[in-house]
Amino acid sequence: MNDMTLTERAVQASDIKIEARGVQVHYGASHALRDVDVDILGKTVTAFIGPSGCGKSTFLRCLNRMNDTIDICRVGGKILLDGEDIYDRKVDPVQLRAKVGMVFQKPNPFPKSIFDNVAYGPKIHGLTRSRSELEGIVEDSLRKAALWNEVKDRLDAPGTGLSGGQQQRLCIARAIATSPEVLLMDEPCSALDPIATAQVEELIDELRANFSVVIVTHSMQQAARVSQRTAFFHLGSLVEYGETGQIFTNPSDPRTESYITGRIG
């Protein structure tokens, strides 16, 4: 996508990667998310901001059906990926998660070698026909995650032996190894030091050349630095969504302004 801001031109239907309409989430009797309508664009970083417990991570987990793993969780409304309903009975959640990758708050490498961490997804999804193809995917994913030069001579070493920032980049490499179209990140820097955080933020900016990236963050500064679009959630509702610069400098809802200026949160 060129650098023309999305306010300077109409968002075209072809720009939209994920379309959510009337999304509701209940955990048992608790109504965690209500009536969320949002269009997430291709090859763009979208940030979800808002106070703790406002529904931003709950909504993120709707986008690759991670909420399916919670017995008491019910999701309503429609979420379309490239025009297809991801909650349709015909959709296999495992295949969906190969297309919509996820990186979690705490780095969680498997207790396997660096190589096997990245090779795991392509292997289980049958994406390669030979060892050399698999090696190519592992190298490409580690390069995209800006980790290859640091680990290329120790691919057999355990992934758990890396530093926190390297582990998180390994998890990003693992998530992109299945060639997803969307990459979800749930506070990917919250367990990292400032230097590792800066490396991951730089990486997020590079990843948008190939993926739609959706990031949940507690840090408004981070949202302002890495995203082109920002959605503000409050008390289970999507309050405002738009171009990041506009949300931070000229929000249209007083609740957004109160949050950004520190009066609520």
C-alpha atoms as a PDB file:
ATOM      1  CA  MET A   1       0.000   0.000   0.000  1.00  0.00           C
ATOM      2  CA  ASN A   2       1.366   3.431  -0.762  1.00  0.00           C
ATOM      3  CA  ASP A   3       1.901   6.005   1.950  1.00  0.00           C
ATOM      4  CA  MET A   4      -1.152   8.075   1.035  1.00  0.00           C
ATOM      5  CA  THR A   5      -3.187   8.106   4.236  1.00  0.00           C
ATOM      6  CA  LEU A   6      -6.504   6.369   4.170  1.00  0.00           C
ATOM      7  CA  THR A   7      -8.250   9.616   4.948  1.00  0.00           C
ATOM      8  CA  GLU A   8      -6.943  11.024   1.656  1.00  0.00           C
ATOM      9  CA  ARG A   9      -8.744   8.428  -0.385  1.00  0.00           C
ATOM     10  CA  ALA A  10     -11.825   6.340   0.097  1.00  0.00           C
ATOM     11  CA  VAL A  11     -11.206   2.894   1.524  1.00  0.00           C
ATOM     12  CA  GLN A  12     -12.059   0.521  -1.302  1.00  0.00           C
ATOM     13  CA  ALA A  13     -13.777  -2.818  -0.763  1.00  0.00           C
ATOM     14  CA  SER A  14     -10.629  -4.448  -2.148  1.00  0.00           C
ATOM     15  CA  ASP A  15      -8.580  -2.931   0.724  1.00  0.00           C
ATOM     16  CA  ILE A  16     -10.647  -4.766   3.333  1.00  0.00           C
ATOM     17  CA  LYS A  17      -9.121  -7.989   4.661  1.00  0.00           C
ATOM     18  CA  ILE A  18     -11.421  -8.653   7.620  1.00  0.00           C
ATOM     19  CA  GLU A  19     -14.957  -7.353   7.939  1.00  0.00           C
ATOM     20  CA  ALA A  20     -16.658  -7.636  11.340  1.00  0.00           C
ATOM     21  CA  ARG A  21     -20.341  -6.818  11.785  1.00  0.00           C
ATOM     22  CA  GLY A  22     -22.400  -6.878  14.981  1.00  0.00           C
ATOM     23  CA  VAL A  23     -19.856  -9.000  16.859  1.00  0.00           C
ATOM     24  CA  GLN A  24     -21.028  -9.994  20.352  1.00  0.00           C
ATOM     25  CA  VAL A  25     -19.144 -12.089  22.896  1.00  0.00           C
ATOM     26  CA  HIS A  26     -20.618 -13.620  26.051  1.00  0.00           C
ATOM     27  CA  TYR A  27     -18.663 -15.475  28.726  1.00  0.00           C
ATOM     28  CA  GLY A  28     -21.492 -17.309  30.453  1.00  0.00           C
ATOM     29  CA  ALA A  29     -23.854 -14.563  31.666  1.00  0.00           C
ATOM     30  CA  SER A  30     -21.276 -11.808  31.179  1.00  0.00           C
ATOM     31  CA  HIS A  31     -21.623  -9.693  28.007  1.00  0.00           C
ATOM     32  CA  ALA A  32     -17.949  -9.000  27.237  1.00  0.00           C
ATOM     33  CA  LEU A  33     -18.252  -7.401  23.806  1.00  0.00           C
ATOM     34  CA  ARG A  34     -21.226  -5.752  22.142  1.00  0.00           C
ATOM     35  CA  ASP A  35     -22.017  -4.791  18.551  1.00  0.00           C
ATOM     36  CA  VAL A  36     -18.510  -4.380  17.168  1.00  0.00           C
ATOM     37  CA  ASP A  37     -18.381  -3.251  13.518  1.00  0.00           C
ATOM     38  CA  VAL A  38     -14.917  -2.837  12.033  1.00  0.00           C
ATOM     39  CA  ASP A  39     -13.089  -3.247   8.703  1.00  0.00           C
ATOM     40  CA  ILE A  40      -9.446  -4.309   9.013  1.00  0.00           C
ATOM     41  CA  LEU A  41      -7.384  -3.419   5.976  1.00  0.00           C
ATOM     42  CA  GLY A  42      -4.797  -5.469   4.113  1.00  0.00           C
ATOM     43  CA  LYS A  43      -1.081  -4.710   4.530  1.00  0.00           C
ATOM     44  CA  THR A  44      -1.788  -2.271   7.332  1.00  0.00           C
ATOM     45  CA  VAL A  45      -0.977  -2.295  11.052  1.00  0.00           C
ATOM     46  CA  THR A  46      -4.158  -1.850  13.103  1.00  0.00           C
ATOM     47  CA  ALA A  47      -3.818  -1.171  16.844  1.00  0.00           C
ATOM     48  CA  PHE A  48      -6.499  -1.968  19.443  1.00  0.00           C
ATOM     49  CA  ILE A  49      -6.174   0.300  22.480  1.00  0.00           C
ATOM     50  CA  GLY A  50      -8.232   0.807  25.630  1.00  0.00           C
ATOM     51  CA  PRO A  51      -8.183   0.185  29.392  1.00  0.00           C
ATOM     52  CA  SER A  52      -7.699  -3.319  30.835  1.00  0.00           C
ATOM     53  CA  GLY A  53     -10.797  -5.481  30.512  1.00  0.00           C
ATOM     54  CA  CYS A  54     -12.335  -3.333  27.759  1.00  0.00           C
ATOM     55  CA  GLY A  55     -12.675  -6.195  25.253  1.00  0.00           C
ATOM     56  CA  LYS A  56      -9.736  -5.580  22.915  1.00  0.00           C
ATOM     57  CA  SER A  57      -8.049  -8.985  23.459  1.00  0.00           C
ATOM     58  CA  THR A  58     -11.441 -10.715  23.434  1.00  0.00           C
ATOM     59  CA  PHE A  59     -12.139  -9.234  20.010  1.00  0.00           C
ATOM     60  CA  LEU A  60      -8.636 -10.098  18.767  1.00  0.00           C
ATOM     61  CA  ARG A  61      -9.243 -13.745  19.720  1.00  0.00           C
ATOM     62  CA  CYS A  62     -12.494 -13.732  17.723  1.00  0.00           C
ATOM     63  CA  LEU A  63     -10.480 -13.141  14.553  1.00  0.00           C
ATOM     64  CA  ASN A  64      -8.904 -16.610  14.585  1.00  0.00           C
ATOM     65  CA  ARG A  65     -11.519 -18.362  16.720  1.00  0.00           C
ATOM     66  CA  MET A  66      -9.249 -18.734  19.751  1.00  0.00           C
ATOM     67  CA  ASN A  67     -12.366 -18.139  21.854  1.00  0.00           C
ATOM     68  CA  ASP A  68     -13.613 -21.550  20.624  1.00  0.00           C
ATOM     69  CA  THR A  69     -11.247 -23.070  23.196  1.00  0.00           C
ATOM     70  CA  ILE A  70     -13.219 -21.473  26.080  1.00  0.00           C
ATOM     71  CA  ASP A  71     -16.285 -23.581  26.968  1.00  0.00           C
ATOM     72  CA  ILE A  72     -18.443 -20.760  28.329  1.00  0.00           C
ATOM     73  CA  CYS A  73     -17.697 -18.371  25.452  1.00  0.00           C
ATOM     74  CA  ARG A  74     -20.334 -17.596  22.797  1.00  0.00           C
ATOM     75  CA  VAL A  75     -19.566 -15.429  19.760  1.00  0.00           C
ATOM     76  CA  GLY A  76     -22.321 -13.826  17.685  1.00  0.00           C
ATOM     77  CA  GLY A  77     -22.398 -11.583  14.630  1.00  0.00           C
ATOM     78  CA  LYS A  78     -20.349 -12.018  11.470  1.00  0.00           C
ATOM     79  CA  ILE A  79     -16.616 -11.983  10.784  1.00  0.00           C
ATOM     80  CA  LEU A  80     -15.542 -12.319   7.156  1.00  0.00           C
ATOM     81  CA  LEU A  81     -11.967 -12.986   5.982  1.00  0.00           C
ATOM     82  CA  ASP A  82     -11.694 -12.119   2.285  1.00  0.00           C
ATOM     83  CA  GLY A  83     -15.499 -12.275   2.147  1.00  0.00           C
ATOM     84  CA  GLU A  84     -15.779 -15.738   3.756  1.00  0.00           C
ATOM     85  CA  ASP A  85     -17.519 -16.242   7.101  1.00  0.00           C
ATOM     86  CA  ILE A  86     -14.854 -17.672   9.439  1.00  0.00           C
ATOM     87  CA  TYR A  87     -17.572 -19.015  11.800  1.00  0.00           C
ATOM     88  CA  ASP A  88     -19.225 -21.038   9.028  1.00  0.00           C
ATOM     89  CA  ARG A  89     -19.524 -24.719  10.010  1.00  0.00           C
ATOM     90  CA  LYS A  90     -17.466 -25.686   6.966  1.00  0.00           C
ATOM     91  CA  VAL A  91     -14.443 -23.699   8.213  1.00  0.00           C
ATOM     92  CA  ASP A  92     -11.809 -25.773  10.034  1.00  0.00           C
ATOM     93  CA  PRO A  93     -10.435 -23.606  12.897  1.00  0.00           C
ATOM     94  CA  VAL A  94      -7.005 -25.257  12.576  1.00  0.00           C
ATOM     95  CA  GLN A  95      -6.767 -24.270   8.901  1.00  0.00           C
ATOM     96  CA  LEU A  96      -8.075 -20.798   9.770  1.00  0.00           C
ATOM     97  CA  ARG A  97      -5.269 -20.354  12.321  1.00  0.00           C
ATOM     98  CA  ALA A  98      -2.709 -21.197   9.638  1.00  0.00           C
ATOM     99  CA  LYS A  99      -4.104 -18.198   7.695  1.00  0.00           C
ATOM    100  CA  VAL A 100      -4.530 -15.971  10.758  1.00  0.00           C
ATOM    101  CA  GLY A 101      -1.391 -16.406  12.851  1.00  0.00           C
ATOM    102  CA  MET A 102      -1.072 -15.309  16.469  1.00  0.00           C
ATOM    103  CA  VAL A 103       1.726 -14.069  18.719  1.00  0.00           C
ATOM    104  CA  PHE A 104       1.015 -13.976  22.441  1.00  0.00           C
ATOM    105  CA  GLN A 105       1.906 -11.669  25.273  1.00  0.00           C
ATOM    106  CA  LYS A 106       4.610 -13.880  26.750  1.00  0.00           C
ATOM    107  CA  PRO A 107       7.086 -15.511  24.380  1.00  0.00           C
ATOM    108  CA  ASN A 108       6.114 -19.206  24.317  1.00  0.00           C
ATOM    109  CA  PRO A 109       8.583 -21.174  22.208  1.00  0.00           C
ATOM    110  CA  PHE A 110       8.021 -24.918  22.123  1.00  0.00           C
ATOM    111  CA  PRO A 111      10.551 -27.027  24.085  1.00  0.00           C
ATOM    112  CA  LYS A 112      12.203 -27.916  20.762  1.00  0.00           C
ATOM    113  CA  SER A 113      15.122 -26.665  18.705  1.00  0.00           C
ATOM    114  CA  ILE A 114      14.999 -23.249  17.022  1.00  0.00           C
ATOM    115  CA  PHE A 115      14.624 -25.042  13.673  1.00  0.00           C
ATOM    116  CA  ASP A 116      11.774 -27.292  14.876  1.00  0.00           C
ATOM    117  CA  ASN A 117       9.892 -24.344  16.411  1.00  0.00           C
ATOM    118  CA  VAL A 118       9.632 -22.712  12.984  1.00  0.00           C
ATOM    119  CA  ALA A 119       9.230 -25.967  11.035  1.00  0.00           C
ATOM    120  CA  TYR A 120       6.327 -27.166  13.200  1.00  0.00           C
ATOM    121  CA  GLY A 121       3.484 -25.330  11.382  1.00  0.00           C
ATOM    122  CA  PRO A 122       4.590 -26.108   7.817  1.00  0.00           C
ATOM    123  CA  LYS A 123       5.016 -29.776   8.842  1.00  0.00           C
ATOM    124  CA  ILE A 124       1.584 -30.249  10.421  1.00  0.00           C
ATOM    125  CA  HIS A 125      -0.143 -28.402   7.572  1.00  0.00           C
ATOM    126  CA  GLY A 126       1.769 -30.387   4.941  1.00  0.00           C
ATOM    127  CA  LEU A 127       3.128 -27.263   3.258  1.00  0.00           C
ATOM    128  CA  THR A 128       6.440 -28.753   2.117  1.00  0.00           C
ATOM    129  CA  ARG A 129       7.374 -31.726  -0.032  1.00  0.00           C
ATOM    130  CA  SER A 130      11.037 -32.044   0.909  1.00  0.00           C
ATOM    131  CA  ARG A 131      13.565 -31.290   3.611  1.00  0.00           C
ATOM    132  CA  SER A 132      15.158 -28.592   1.442  1.00  0.00           C
ATOM    133  CA  GLU A 133      11.792 -26.846   0.989  1.00  0.00           C
ATOM    134  CA  LEU A 134      11.285 -26.963   4.755  1.00  0.00           C
ATOM    135  CA  GLU A 135      14.754 -25.538   5.344  1.00  0.00           C
ATOM    136  CA  GLY A 136      13.926 -22.740   2.888  1.00  0.00           C
ATOM    137  CA  ILE A 137      10.732 -21.841   4.761  1.00  0.00           C
ATOM    138  CA  VAL A 138      12.558 -21.870   8.123  1.00  0.00           C
ATOM    139  CA  GLU A 139      15.303 -19.581   6.813  1.00  0.00           C
ATOM    140  CA  ASP A 140      12.824 -17.238   5.105  1.00  0.00           C
ATOM    141  CA  SER A 141      10.650 -16.997   8.247  1.00  0.00           C
ATOM    142  CA  LEU A 142      13.652 -16.328  10.500  1.00  0.00           C
ATOM    143  CA  ARG A 143      14.868 -13.662   8.060  1.00  0.00           C
ATOM    144  CA  LYS A 144      11.429 -11.993   8.019  1.00  0.00           C
ATOM    145  CA  ALA A 145      11.469 -12.073  11.833  1.00  0.00           C
ATOM    146  CA  ALA A 146      14.938 -10.396  11.819  1.00  0.00           C
ATOM    147  CA  LEU A 147      16.439 -13.347  13.696  1.00  0.00           C
ATOM    148  CA  TRP A 148      18.323 -15.365  11.046  1.00  0.00           C
ATOM    149  CA  ASN A 149      21.750 -13.744  11.508  1.00  0.00           C
ATOM    150  CA  GLU A 150      21.597 -14.300  15.266  1.00  0.00           C
ATOM    151  CA  VAL A 151      20.652 -18.001  15.156  1.00  0.00           C
ATOM    152  CA  LYS A 152      21.766 -19.419  11.776  1.00  0.00           C
ATOM    153  CA  ASP A 153      24.757 -21.215  13.358  1.00  0.00           C
ATOM    154  CA  ARG A 154      22.748 -22.790  16.182  1.00  0.00           C
ATOM    155  CA  LEU A 155      19.453 -23.923  14.678  1.00  0.00           C
ATOM    156  CA  ASP A 156      19.676 -27.162  16.703  1.00  0.00           C
ATOM    157  CA  ALA A 157      19.879 -25.261  20.016  1.00  0.00           C
ATOM    158  CA  PRO A 158      16.688 -25.088  22.120  1.00  0.00           C
ATOM    159  CA  GLY A 159      14.408 -22.123  21.401  1.00  0.00           C
ATOM    160  CA  THR A 160      13.924 -21.700  25.153  1.00  0.00           C
ATOM    161  CA  GLY A 161      17.634 -20.796  25.474  1.00  0.00           C
ATOM    162  CA  LEU A 162      17.233 -17.524  23.576  1.00  0.00           C
ATOM    163  CA  SER A 163      16.807 -14.117  25.254  1.00  0.00           C
ATOM    164  CA  GLY A 164      13.252 -12.823  25.809  1.00  0.00           C
ATOM    165  CA  GLY A 165      13.325 -10.557  22.755  1.00  0.00           C
ATOM    166  CA  GLN A 166      14.794 -13.318  20.580  1.00  0.00           C
ATOM    167  CA  GLN A 167      12.166 -15.766  21.855  1.00  0.00           C
ATOM    168  CA  GLN A 168       9.411 -13.349  20.849  1.00  0.00           C
ATOM    169  CA  ARG A 169      10.942 -12.947  17.379  1.00  0.00           C
ATOM    170  CA  LEU A 170      11.153 -16.765  17.182  1.00  0.00           C
ATOM    171  CA  CYS A 171       7.422 -16.910  17.979  1.00  0.00           C
ATOM    172  CA  ILE A 172       6.814 -14.363  15.198  1.00  0.00           C
ATOM    173  CA  ALA A 173       8.885 -16.535  12.806  1.00  0.00           C
ATOM    174  CA  ARG A 174       6.837 -19.561  13.883  1.00  0.00           C
ATOM    175  CA  ALA A 175       3.583 -17.656  13.263  1.00  0.00           C
ATOM    176  CA  ILE A 176       4.605 -16.507   9.773  1.00  0.00           C
ATOM    177  CA  ALA A 177       6.039 -19.884   8.676  1.00  0.00           C
ATOM    178  CA  THR A 178       2.601 -21.065   7.506  1.00  0.00           C
ATOM    179  CA  SER A 179       2.358 -17.982   5.205  1.00  0.00           C
ATOM    180  CA  PRO A 180      -0.598 -16.439   7.028  1.00  0.00           C
ATOM    181  CA  GLU A 181      -2.426 -13.476   5.567  1.00  0.00           C
ATOM    182  CA  VAL A 182      -3.126 -11.873   8.935  1.00  0.00           C
ATOM    183  CA  LEU A 183      -0.890 -11.711  12.002  1.00  0.00           C
ATOM    184  CA  LEU A 184      -2.525 -11.095  15.380  1.00  0.00           C
ATOM    185  CA  MET A 185      -0.331  -9.843  18.227  1.00  0.00           C
ATOM    186  CA  ASP A 186      -1.641  -9.705  21.779  1.00  0.00           C
ATOM    187  CA  GLU A 187       0.603  -7.231  23.618  1.00  0.00           C
ATOM    188  CA  PRO A 188       3.716  -8.744  22.030  1.00  0.00           C
ATOM    189  CA  CYS A 189       6.131  -6.404  23.839  1.00  0.00           C
ATOM    190  CA  SER A 190       4.686  -6.368  27.349  1.00  0.00           C
ATOM    191  CA  ALA A 191       7.250  -8.892  28.659  1.00  0.00           C
ATOM    192  CA  LEU A 192      10.213  -7.309  26.844  1.00  0.00           C
ATOM    193  CA  ASP A 193      12.828  -4.706  27.782  1.00  0.00           C
ATOM    194  CA  PRO A 194      12.962  -1.381  25.881  1.00  0.00           C
ATOM    195  CA  ILE A 195      15.663  -2.527  23.403  1.00  0.00           C
ATOM    196  CA  ALA A 196      13.827  -5.760  22.522  1.00  0.00           C
ATOM    197  CA  THR A 197      10.582  -3.752  22.295  1.00  0.00           C
ATOM    198  CA  ALA A 198      12.163  -1.363  19.784  1.00  0.00           C
ATOM    199  CA  GLN A 199      13.365  -4.348  17.704  1.00  0.00           C
ATOM    200  CA  VAL A 200       9.893  -5.920  17.653  1.00  0.00           C
ATOM    201  CA  GLU A 201       8.274  -2.565  16.770  1.00  0.00           C
ATOM    202  CA  GLU A 202      10.679  -2.145  13.859  1.00  0.00           C
ATOM    203  CA  LEU A 203       9.846  -5.690  12.786  1.00  0.00           C
ATOM    204  CA  ILE A 204       6.083  -4.992  12.911  1.00  0.00           C
ATOM    205  CA  ASP A 205       6.606  -2.085  10.539  1.00  0.00           C
ATOM    206  CA  GLU A 206       8.466  -4.373   8.107  1.00  0.00           C
ATOM    207  CA  LEU A 207       5.884  -7.166   8.369  1.00  0.00           C
ATOM    208  CA  ARG A 208       3.072  -5.007   7.037  1.00  0.00           C
ATOM    209  CA  ALA A 209       4.616  -5.257   3.567  1.00  0.00           C
ATOM    210  CA  ASN A 210       3.410  -8.876   3.530  1.00  0.00           C
ATOM    211  CA  PHE A 211       0.674  -9.178   6.175  1.00  0.00           C
ATOM    212  CA  SER A 212      -2.259  -7.446   7.777  1.00  0.00           C
ATOM    213  CA  VAL A 213      -1.028  -6.951  11.342  1.00  0.00           C
ATOM    214  CA  VAL A 214      -3.436  -6.432  14.243  1.00  0.00           C
ATOM    215  CA  ILE A 215      -1.830  -5.528  17.559  1.00  0.00           C
ATOM    216  CA  VAL A 216      -3.388  -5.169  21.009  1.00  0.00           C
ATOM    217  CA  THR A 217      -1.304  -2.800  23.099  1.00  0.00           C
ATOM    218  CA  HIS A 218      -1.538  -1.052  26.455  1.00  0.00           C
ATOM    219  CA  SER A 219       0.951   1.517  25.235  1.00  0.00           C
ATOM    220  CA  MET A 220      -0.569   4.429  23.379  1.00  0.00           C
ATOM    221  CA  GLN A 221       2.940   5.508  22.369  1.00  0.00           C
ATOM    222  CA  GLN A 222       3.437   2.106  20.761  1.00  0.00           C
ATOM    223  CA  ALA A 223       0.108   2.323  18.918  1.00  0.00           C
ATOM    224  CA  ALA A 224       1.075   5.777  17.631  1.00  0.00           C
ATOM    225  CA  ARG A 225       4.503   4.533  16.505  1.00  0.00           C
ATOM    226  CA  VAL A 226       3.580   1.293  14.725  1.00  0.00           C
ATOM    227  CA  SER A 227       0.009   1.539  13.428  1.00  0.00           C
ATOM    228  CA  GLN A 228      -1.779   3.238  10.565  1.00  0.00           C
ATOM    229  CA  ARG A 229      -5.272   2.564  11.984  1.00  0.00           C
ATOM    230  CA  THR A 230      -6.385   2.560  15.628  1.00  0.00           C
ATOM    231  CA  ALA A 231      -9.506   1.219  17.328  1.00  0.00           C
ATOM    232  CA  PHE A 232     -10.401   2.413  20.837  1.00  0.00           C
ATOM    233  CA  PHE A 233     -12.390  -0.012  22.996  1.00  0.00           C
ATOM    234  CA  HIS A 234     -14.109   0.902  26.259  1.00  0.00           C
ATOM    235  CA  LEU A 235     -16.374  -1.190  28.495  1.00  0.00           C
ATOM    236  CA  GLY A 236     -16.922  -3.870  25.852  1.00  0.00           C
ATOM    237  CA  SER A 237     -17.758  -1.485  23.002  1.00  0.00           C
ATOM    238  CA  LEU A 238     -15.773  -0.170  20.065  1.00  0.00           C
ATOM    239  CA  VAL A 239     -15.954   3.580  20.684  1.00  0.00           C
ATOM    240  CA  GLU A 240     -13.994   4.904  17.736  1.00  0.00           C
ATOM    241  CA  TYR A 241     -11.945   3.593  14.821  1.00  0.00           C
ATOM    242  CA  GLY A 242      -9.965   5.469  12.227  1.00  0.00           C
ATOM    243  CA  GLU A 243      -6.636   6.658  10.934  1.00  0.00           C
ATOM    244  CA  THR A 244      -4.099   6.633  13.809  1.00  0.00           C
ATOM    245  CA  GLY A 245      -3.051  10.277  13.503  1.00  0.00           C
ATOM    246  CA  GLN A 246      -6.664  11.416  13.608  1.00  0.00           C
ATOM    247  CA  ILE A 247      -7.542   9.210  16.617  1.00  0.00           C
ATOM    248  CA  PHE A 248      -4.618  10.633  18.615  1.00  0.00           C
ATOM    249  CA  THR A 249      -4.823  14.272  17.567  1.00  0.00           C
ATOM    250  CA  ASN A 250      -8.466  14.883  16.767  1.00  0.00           C
ATOM    251  CA  PRO A 251     -10.713  12.126  18.166  1.00  0.00           C
ATOM    252  CA  SER A 252     -14.408  12.546  17.494  1.00  0.00           C
ATOM    253  CA  ASP A 253     -15.652  10.874  20.718  1.00  0.00           C
ATOM    254  CA  PRO A 254     -15.058  12.540  24.103  1.00  0.00           C
ATOM    255  CA  ARG A 255     -14.349   9.120  25.675  1.00  0.00           C
ATOM    256  CA  THR A 256     -11.429   8.620  23.271  1.00  0.00           C
ATOM    257  CA  GLU A 257     -10.068  12.028  24.162  1.00  0.00           C
ATOM    258  CA  SER A 258     -10.437  11.280  27.886  1.00  0.00           C
ATOM    259  CA  TYR A 259      -8.489   8.032  27.495  1.00  0.00           C
ATOM    260  CA  ILE A 260      -5.730   9.545  25.363  1.00  0.00           C
ATOM    261  CA  THR A 261      -5.262  12.464  27.746  1.00  0.00           C
ATOM    262  CA  GLY A 262      -5.203  10.095  30.731  1.00  0.00           C
ATOM    263  CA  ARG A 263      -8.528  10.998  32.337  1.00  0.00           C
ATOM    264  CA  ILE A 264      -9.874   7.436  32.017  1.00  0.00           C
ATOM    265  CA  GLY A 265      -7.931   4.192  31.910  1.00  0.00           C
END
